[in-house]
ModelCIF file with pLDDT and N, C-alpha, C, O atoms, coordinates in Angstrom:
data_MODEL
#
_entry.id   MODEL 
#
_entity.id                         1 
_entity.type                       polymer 
_entity.pdbx_number_of_molecules   1 
#
_entity_poly.entity_id                      1 
_entity_poly.type                           'polypeptide(L)' 
_entity_poly.nstd_linkage                   no 
_entity_poly.nstd_monomer                   no 
_entity_poly.pdbx_seq_one_letter_code       DFPGPDGRFLTVGVPDGPVQIILWSHAAGAG 
_entity_poly.pdbx_seq_one_letter_code_can   DFPGPDGRFLTVGVPDGPVQIILWSHAAGAG 
_entity_poly.pdbx_strand_id                 A 
#
loop_
_entity_poly_seq.entity_id 
_entity_poly_seq.num 
_entity_poly_seq.mon_id 
_entity_poly_seq.hetero 
1 1  ASP n 
1 2  PHE n 
1 3  PRO n 
1 4  GLY n 
1 5  PRO n 
1 6  ASP n 
1 7  GLY n 
1 8  ARG n 
1 9  PHE n 
1 10 LEU n 
1 11 THR n 
1 12 VAL n 
1 13 GLY n 
1 14 VAL n 
1 15 PRO n 
1 16 ASP n 
1 17 GLY n 
1 18 PRO n 
1 19 VAL n 
1 20 GLN n 
1 21 ILE n 
1 22 ILE n 
1 23 LEU n 
1 24 TRP n 
1 25 SER n 
1 26 HIS n 
1 27 ALA n 
1 28 ALA n 
1 29 GLY n 
1 30 ALA n 
1 31 GLY n 
#
_struct_asym.id          A 
_struct_asym.entity_id   1 
#
loop_
_ma_qa_metric.id 
_ma_qa_metric.mode 
_ma_qa_metric.name 
_ma_qa_metric.software_group_id 
_ma_qa_metric.type 
1 global pLDDT . pLDDT 
2 local  pLDDT . pLDDT 
#
_ma_qa_metric_global.metric_id      1 
_ma_qa_metric_global.metric_value   88.87 
_ma_qa_metric_global.model_id       1 
_ma_qa_metric_global.ordinal_id     1 
#
loop_
_ma_qa_metric_local.label_asym_id 
_ma_qa_metric_local.label_comp_id 
_ma_qa_metric_local.label_seq_id 
_ma_qa_metric_local.metric_id 
_ma_qa_metric_local.metric_value 
_ma_qa_metric_local.model_id 
_ma_qa_metric_local.ordinal_id 
A ASP 1  2 98.00 1 1  
A PHE 2  2 96.00 1 2  
A PRO 3  2 93.00 1 3  
A GLY 4  2 86.00 1 4  
A PRO 5  2 87.00 1 5  
A ASP 6  2 88.00 1 6  
A GLY 7  2 91.00 1 7  
A ARG 8  2 96.00 1 8  
A PHE 9  2 96.00 1 9  
A LEU 10 2 98.00 1 10 
A THR 11 2 98.00 1 11 
A VAL 12 2 98.00 1 12 
A GLY 13 2 97.00 1 13 
A VAL 14 2 96.00 1 14 
A PRO 15 2 94.00 1 15 
A ASP 16 2 93.00 1 16 
A GLY 17 2 93.00 1 17 
A PRO 18 2 94.00 1 18 
A VAL 19 2 95.00 1 19 
A GLN 20 2 97.00 1 20 
A ILE 21 2 97.00 1 21 
A ILE 22 2 96.00 1 22 
A LEU 23 2 96.00 1 23 
A TRP 24 2 95.00 1 24 
A SER 25 2 94.00 1 25 
A HIS 26 2 87.00 1 26 
A ALA 27 2 75.00 1 27 
A ALA 28 2 67.00 1 28 
A GLY 29 2 59.00 1 29 
A ALA 30 2 54.00 1 30 
A GLY 31 2 51.00 1 31 
#
loop_
_atom_site.group_PDB 
_atom_site.id 
_atom_site.type_symbol 
_atom_site.label_atom_id 
_atom_site.label_alt_id 
_atom_site.label_comp_id 
_atom_site.label_asym_id 
_atom_site.label_entity_id 
_atom_site.label_seq_id 
_atom_site.pdbx_PDB_ins_code 
_atom_site.Cartn_x 
_atom_site.Cartn_y 
_atom_site.Cartn_z 
_atom_site.occupancy 
_atom_site.B_iso_or_equiv 
_atom_site.pdbx_formal_charge 
_atom_site.auth_seq_id 
_atom_site.auth_comp_id 
_atom_site.auth_asym_id 
_atom_site.auth_atom_id 
_atom_site.pdbx_PDB_model_num 
ATOM 1   N N  . ASP A 1 1  ? 58.646 -28.717 31.073 1.00 98.00 ? 1  ASP A N  1 
ATOM 2   C CA . ASP A 1 1  ? 58.748 -29.464 32.329 1.00 98.00 ? 1  ASP A CA 1 
ATOM 3   C C  . ASP A 1 1  ? 60.195 -29.426 32.791 1.00 98.00 ? 1  ASP A C  1 
ATOM 4   O O  . ASP A 1 1  ? 61.024 -30.208 32.325 1.00 98.00 ? 1  ASP A O  1 
ATOM 5   N N  . PHE A 1 2  ? 60.495 -28.510 33.713 1.00 96.00 ? 2  PHE A N  1 
ATOM 6   C CA . PHE A 1 2  ? 61.845 -28.475 34.261 1.00 96.00 ? 2  PHE A CA 1 
ATOM 7   C C  . PHE A 1 2  ? 61.822 -27.952 35.688 1.00 96.00 ? 2  PHE A C  1 
ATOM 8   O O  . PHE A 1 2  ? 60.951 -27.168 36.066 1.00 96.00 ? 2  PHE A O  1 
ATOM 9   N N  . PRO A 1 3  ? 62.814 -28.406 36.490 1.00 93.00 ? 3  PRO A N  1 
ATOM 10  C CA . PRO A 1 3  ? 62.890 -27.921 37.867 1.00 93.00 ? 3  PRO A CA 1 
ATOM 11  C C  . PRO A 1 3  ? 63.394 -26.477 37.873 1.00 93.00 ? 3  PRO A C  1 
ATOM 12  O O  . PRO A 1 3  ? 64.354 -26.137 37.181 1.00 93.00 ? 3  PRO A O  1 
ATOM 13  N N  . GLY A 1 4  ? 62.738 -25.648 38.656 1.00 86.00 ? 4  GLY A N  1 
ATOM 14  C CA . GLY A 1 4  ? 63.153 -24.258 38.775 1.00 86.00 ? 4  GLY A CA 1 
ATOM 15  C C  . GLY A 1 4  ? 63.522 -23.950 40.205 1.00 86.00 ? 4  GLY A C  1 
ATOM 16  O O  . GLY A 1 4  ? 63.358 -24.796 41.084 1.00 86.00 ? 4  GLY A O  1 
ATOM 17  N N  . PRO A 1 5  ? 64.012 -22.766 40.450 1.00 87.00 ? 5  PRO A N  1 
ATOM 18  C CA . PRO A 1 5  ? 64.422 -22.400 41.802 1.00 87.00 ? 5  PRO A CA 1 
ATOM 19  C C  . PRO A 1 5  ? 63.256 -22.366 42.793 1.00 87.00 ? 5  PRO A C  1 
ATOM 20  O O  . PRO A 1 5  ? 63.463 -22.530 43.996 1.00 87.00 ? 5  PRO A O  1 
ATOM 21  N N  . ASP A 1 6  ? 62.035 -22.156 42.297 1.00 88.00 ? 6  ASP A N  1 
ATOM 22  C CA . ASP A 1 6  ? 60.861 -22.090 43.168 1.00 88.00 ? 6  ASP A CA 1 
ATOM 23  C C  . ASP A 1 6  ? 59.985 -23.329 43.065 1.00 88.00 ? 6  ASP A C  1 
ATOM 24  O O  . ASP A 1 6  ? 58.888 -23.358 43.621 1.00 88.00 ? 6  ASP A O  1 
ATOM 25  N N  . GLY A 1 7  ? 60.456 -24.355 42.359 1.00 91.00 ? 7  GLY A N  1 
ATOM 26  C CA . GLY A 1 7  ? 59.687 -25.577 42.178 1.00 91.00 ? 7  GLY A CA 1 
ATOM 27  C C  . GLY A 1 7  ? 59.623 -25.970 40.713 1.00 91.00 ? 7  GLY A C  1 
ATOM 28  O O  . GLY A 1 7  ? 60.144 -25.269 39.846 1.00 91.00 ? 7  GLY A O  1 
ATOM 29  N N  . ARG A 1 8  ? 58.994 -27.074 40.454 1.00 96.00 ? 8  ARG A N  1 
ATOM 30  C CA . ARG A 1 8  ? 58.864 -27.602 39.095 1.00 96.00 ? 8  ARG A CA 1 
ATOM 31  C C  . ARG A 1 8  ? 57.987 -26.680 38.244 1.00 96.00 ? 8  ARG A C  1 
ATOM 32  O O  . ARG A 1 8  ? 56.866 -26.348 38.629 1.00 96.00 ? 8  ARG A O  1 
ATOM 33  N N  . PHE A 1 9  ? 58.505 -26.274 37.093 1.00 96.00 ? 9  PHE A N  1 
ATOM 34  C CA . PHE A 1 9  ? 57.770 -25.438 36.157 1.00 96.00 ? 9  PHE A CA 1 
ATOM 35  C C  . PHE A 1 9  ? 57.219 -26.359 35.078 1.00 96.00 ? 9  PHE A C  1 
ATOM 36  O O  . PHE A 1 9  ? 57.962 -26.853 34.230 1.00 96.00 ? 9  PHE A O  1 
ATOM 37  N N  . LEU A 1 10 ? 55.895 -26.588 35.118 1.00 98.00 ? 10 LEU A N  1 
ATOM 38  C CA . LEU A 1 10 ? 55.230 -27.557 34.256 1.00 98.00 ? 10 LEU A CA 1 
ATOM 39  C C  . LEU A 1 10 ? 54.090 -26.866 33.532 1.00 98.00 ? 10 LEU A C  1 
ATOM 40  O O  . LEU A 1 10 ? 53.218 -26.269 34.163 1.00 98.00 ? 10 LEU A O  1 
ATOM 41  N N  . THR A 1 11 ? 54.094 -26.946 32.193 1.00 98.00 ? 11 THR A N  1 
ATOM 42  C CA . THR A 1 11 ? 53.021 -26.312 31.437 1.00 98.00 ? 11 THR A CA 1 
ATOM 43  C C  . THR A 1 11 ? 52.409 -27.280 30.427 1.00 98.00 ? 11 THR A C  1 
ATOM 44  O O  . THR A 1 11 ? 53.051 -28.224 29.965 1.00 98.00 ? 11 THR A O  1 
ATOM 45  N N  . VAL A 1 12 ? 51.151 -27.012 30.105 1.00 98.00 ? 12 VAL A N  1 
ATOM 46  C CA . VAL A 1 12 ? 50.410 -27.710 29.055 1.00 98.00 ? 12 VAL A CA 1 
ATOM 47  C C  . VAL A 1 12 ? 49.731 -26.651 28.202 1.00 98.00 ? 12 VAL A C  1 
ATOM 48  O O  . VAL A 1 12 ? 49.618 -25.493 28.604 1.00 98.00 ? 12 VAL A O  1 
ATOM 49  N N  . GLY A 1 13 ? 49.279 -27.058 27.015 1.00 97.00 ? 13 GLY A N  1 
ATOM 50  C CA . GLY A 1 13 ? 48.572 -26.116 26.167 1.00 97.00 ? 13 GLY A CA 1 
ATOM 51  C C  . GLY A 1 13 ? 47.818 -26.831 25.070 1.00 97.00 ? 13 GLY A C  1 
ATOM 52  O O  . GLY A 1 13 ? 48.002 -28.025 24.833 1.00 97.00 ? 13 GLY A O  1 
ATOM 53  N N  . VAL A 1 14 ? 46.969 -26.077 24.410 1.00 96.00 ? 14 VAL A N  1 
ATOM 54  C CA . VAL A 1 14 ? 46.258 -26.575 23.240 1.00 96.00 ? 14 VAL A CA 1 
ATOM 55  C C  . VAL A 1 14 ? 47.296 -26.727 22.129 1.00 96.00 ? 14 VAL A C  1 
ATOM 56  O O  . VAL A 1 14 ? 48.106 -25.821 21.931 1.00 96.00 ? 14 VAL A O  1 
ATOM 57  N N  . PRO A 1 15 ? 47.297 -27.845 21.400 1.00 94.00 ? 15 PRO A N  1 
ATOM 58  C CA . PRO A 1 15 ? 48.266 -27.991 20.307 1.00 94.00 ? 15 PRO A CA 1 
ATOM 59  C C  . PRO A 1 15 ? 48.237 -26.776 19.373 1.00 94.00 ? 15 PRO A C  1 
ATOM 60  O O  . PRO A 1 15 ? 47.177 -26.352 18.913 1.00 94.00 ? 15 PRO A O  1 
ATOM 61  N N  . ASP A 1 16 ? 49.411 -26.235 19.108 1.00 93.00 ? 16 ASP A N  1 
ATOM 62  C CA . ASP A 1 16 ? 49.605 -25.057 18.246 1.00 93.00 ? 16 ASP A CA 1 
ATOM 63  C C  . ASP A 1 16 ? 49.004 -23.773 18.811 1.00 93.00 ? 16 ASP A C  1 
ATOM 64  O O  . ASP A 1 16 ? 48.971 -22.762 18.109 1.00 93.00 ? 16 ASP A O  1 
ATOM 65  N N  . GLY A 1 17 ? 48.528 -23.780 20.055 1.00 93.00 ? 17 GLY A N  1 
ATOM 66  C CA . GLY A 1 17 ? 47.992 -22.566 20.678 1.00 93.00 ? 17 GLY A CA 1 
ATOM 67  C C  . GLY A 1 17 ? 49.098 -21.776 21.357 1.00 93.00 ? 17 GLY A C  1 
ATOM 68  O O  . GLY A 1 17 ? 50.083 -22.366 21.802 1.00 93.00 ? 17 GLY A O  1 
ATOM 69  N N  . PRO A 1 18 ? 48.962 -20.438 21.451 1.00 94.00 ? 18 PRO A N  1 
ATOM 70  C CA . PRO A 1 18 ? 50.012 -19.612 22.031 1.00 94.00 ? 18 PRO A CA 1 
ATOM 71  C C  . PRO A 1 18 ? 50.037 -19.597 23.564 1.00 94.00 ? 18 PRO A C  1 
ATOM 72  O O  . PRO A 1 18 ? 51.097 -19.369 24.147 1.00 94.00 ? 18 PRO A O  1 
ATOM 73  N N  . VAL A 1 19 ? 48.909 -19.833 24.228 1.00 95.00 ? 19 VAL A N  1 
ATOM 74  C CA . VAL A 1 19 ? 48.828 -19.716 25.680 1.00 95.00 ? 19 VAL A CA 1 
ATOM 75  C C  . VAL A 1 19 ? 49.185 -21.057 26.334 1.00 95.00 ? 19 VAL A C  1 
ATOM 76  O O  . VAL A 1 19 ? 48.753 -22.117 25.881 1.00 95.00 ? 19 VAL A O  1 
ATOM 77  N N  . GLN A 1 20 ? 49.971 -20.989 27.395 1.00 97.00 ? 20 GLN A N  1 
ATOM 78  C CA . GLN A 1 20 ? 50.320 -22.184 28.147 1.00 97.00 ? 20 GLN A CA 1 
ATOM 79  C C  . GLN A 1 20 ? 49.723 -22.096 29.548 1.00 97.00 ? 20 GLN A C  1 
ATOM 80  O O  . GLN A 1 20 ? 49.640 -21.018 30.137 1.00 97.00 ? 20 GLN A O  1 
ATOM 81  N N  . ILE A 1 21 ? 49.311 -23.245 30.068 1.00 97.00 ? 21 ILE A N  1 
ATOM 82  C CA . ILE A 1 21 ? 48.739 -23.335 31.406 1.00 97.00 ? 21 ILE A CA 1 
ATOM 83  C C  . ILE A 1 21 ? 49.816 -23.885 32.325 1.00 97.00 ? 21 ILE A C  1 
ATOM 84  O O  . ILE A 1 21 ? 50.331 -24.982 32.106 1.00 97.00 ? 21 ILE A O  1 
ATOM 85  N N  . ILE A 1 22 ? 50.153 -23.116 33.356 1.00 96.00 ? 22 ILE A N  1 
ATOM 86  C CA . ILE A 1 22 ? 51.125 -23.571 34.346 1.00 96.00 ? 22 ILE A CA 1 
ATOM 87  C C  . ILE A 1 22 ? 50.378 -24.424 35.365 1.00 96.00 ? 22 ILE A C  1 
ATOM 88  O O  . ILE A 1 22 ? 49.407 -23.966 35.966 1.00 96.00 ? 22 ILE A O  1 
ATOM 89  N N  . LEU A 1 23 ? 50.824 -25.660 35.561 1.00 96.00 ? 23 LEU A N  1 
ATOM 90  C CA . LEU A 1 23 ? 50.281 -26.529 36.611 1.00 96.00 ? 23 LEU A CA 1 
ATOM 91  C C  . LEU A 1 23 ? 51.209 -26.368 37.811 1.00 96.00 ? 23 LEU A C  1 
ATOM 92  O O  . LEU A 1 23 ? 52.222 -27.058 37.927 1.00 96.00 ? 23 LEU A O  1 
ATOM 93  N N  . TRP A 1 24 ? 50.847 -25.449 38.698 1.00 95.00 ? 24 TRP A N  1 
ATOM 94  C CA . TRP A 1 24 ? 51.727 -25.043 39.789 1.00 95.00 ? 24 TRP A CA 1 
ATOM 95  C C  . TRP A 1 24 ? 51.352 -25.753 41.079 1.00 95.00 ? 24 TRP A C  1 
ATOM 96  O O  . TRP A 1 24 ? 50.191 -25.757 41.487 1.00 95.00 ? 24 TRP A O  1 
ATOM 97  N N  . SER A 1 25 ? 52.345 -26.350 41.710 1.00 94.00 ? 25 SER A N  1 
ATOM 98  C CA . SER A 1 25 ? 52.125 -27.064 42.961 1.00 94.00 ? 25 SER A CA 1 
ATOM 99  C C  . SER A 1 25 ? 51.797 -26.074 44.074 1.00 94.00 ? 25 SER A C  1 
ATOM 100 O O  . SER A 1 25 ? 52.537 -25.124 44.331 1.00 94.00 ? 25 SER A O  1 
ATOM 101 N N  . HIS A 1 26 ? 50.651 -26.330 44.734 1.00 87.00 ? 26 HIS A N  1 
ATOM 102 C CA . HIS A 1 26 ? 50.181 -25.418 45.774 1.00 87.00 ? 26 HIS A CA 1 
ATOM 103 C C  . HIS A 1 26 ? 49.201 -26.164 46.660 1.00 87.00 ? 26 HIS A C  1 
ATOM 104 O O  . HIS A 1 26 ? 48.738 -27.249 46.309 1.00 87.00 ? 26 HIS A O  1 
ATOM 105 N N  . ALA A 1 27 ? 48.892 -25.592 47.787 1.00 75.00 ? 27 ALA A N  1 
ATOM 106 C CA . ALA A 1 27 ? 47.949 -26.200 48.725 1.00 75.00 ? 27 ALA A CA 1 
ATOM 107 C C  . ALA A 1 27 ? 46.579 -26.395 48.070 1.00 75.00 ? 27 ALA A C  1 
ATOM 108 O O  . ALA A 1 27 ? 46.201 -25.637 47.176 1.00 75.00 ? 27 ALA A O  1 
ATOM 109 N N  . ALA A 1 28 ? 45.859 -27.386 48.506 1.00 67.00 ? 28 ALA A N  1 
ATOM 110 C CA . ALA A 1 28 ? 44.522 -27.689 47.977 1.00 67.00 ? 28 ALA A CA 1 
ATOM 111 C C  . ALA A 1 28 ? 43.614 -26.476 48.080 1.00 67.00 ? 28 ALA A C  1 
ATOM 112 O O  . ALA A 1 28 ? 43.616 -25.764 49.084 1.00 67.00 ? 28 ALA A O  1 
ATOM 113 N N  . GLY A 1 29 ? 42.834 -26.251 47.023 1.00 59.00 ? 29 GLY A N  1 
ATOM 114 C CA . GLY A 1 29 ? 41.822 -25.200 47.022 1.00 59.00 ? 29 GLY A CA 1 
ATOM 115 C C  . GLY A 1 29 ? 42.317 -23.813 46.674 1.00 59.00 ? 29 GLY A C  1 
ATOM 116 O O  . GLY A 1 29 ? 41.511 -22.886 46.596 1.00 59.00 ? 29 GLY A O  1 
ATOM 117 N N  . ALA A 1 30 ? 43.620 -23.631 46.459 1.00 54.00 ? 30 ALA A N  1 
ATOM 118 C CA . ALA A 1 30 ? 44.138 -22.307 46.124 1.00 54.00 ? 30 ALA A CA 1 
ATOM 119 C C  . ALA A 1 30 ? 43.609 -21.867 44.771 1.00 54.00 ? 30 ALA A C  1 
ATOM 120 O O  . ALA A 1 30 ? 43.715 -22.609 43.794 1.00 54.00 ? 30 ALA A O  1 
ATOM 121 N N  . GLY A 1 31 ? 43.048 -20.687 44.700 1.00 51.00 ? 31 GLY A N  1 
ATOM 122 C CA . GLY A 1 31 ? 42.578 -20.144 43.438 1.00 51.00 ? 31 GLY A CA 1 
ATOM 123 C C  . GLY A 1 31 ? 41.302 -20.771 42.911 1.00 51.00 ? 31 GLY A C  1 
ATOM 124 O O  . GLY A 1 31 ? 40.817 -20.384 41.848 1.00 51.00 ? 31 GLY A O  1 
#
């Protein structure tokens, strides 16, 4: 969780799992 040049970079993941999920701020319904 840190501010980046393009916005807040926030990730979550399964404990001890290698893959992280980026919770990226974007308009509703994107993706």
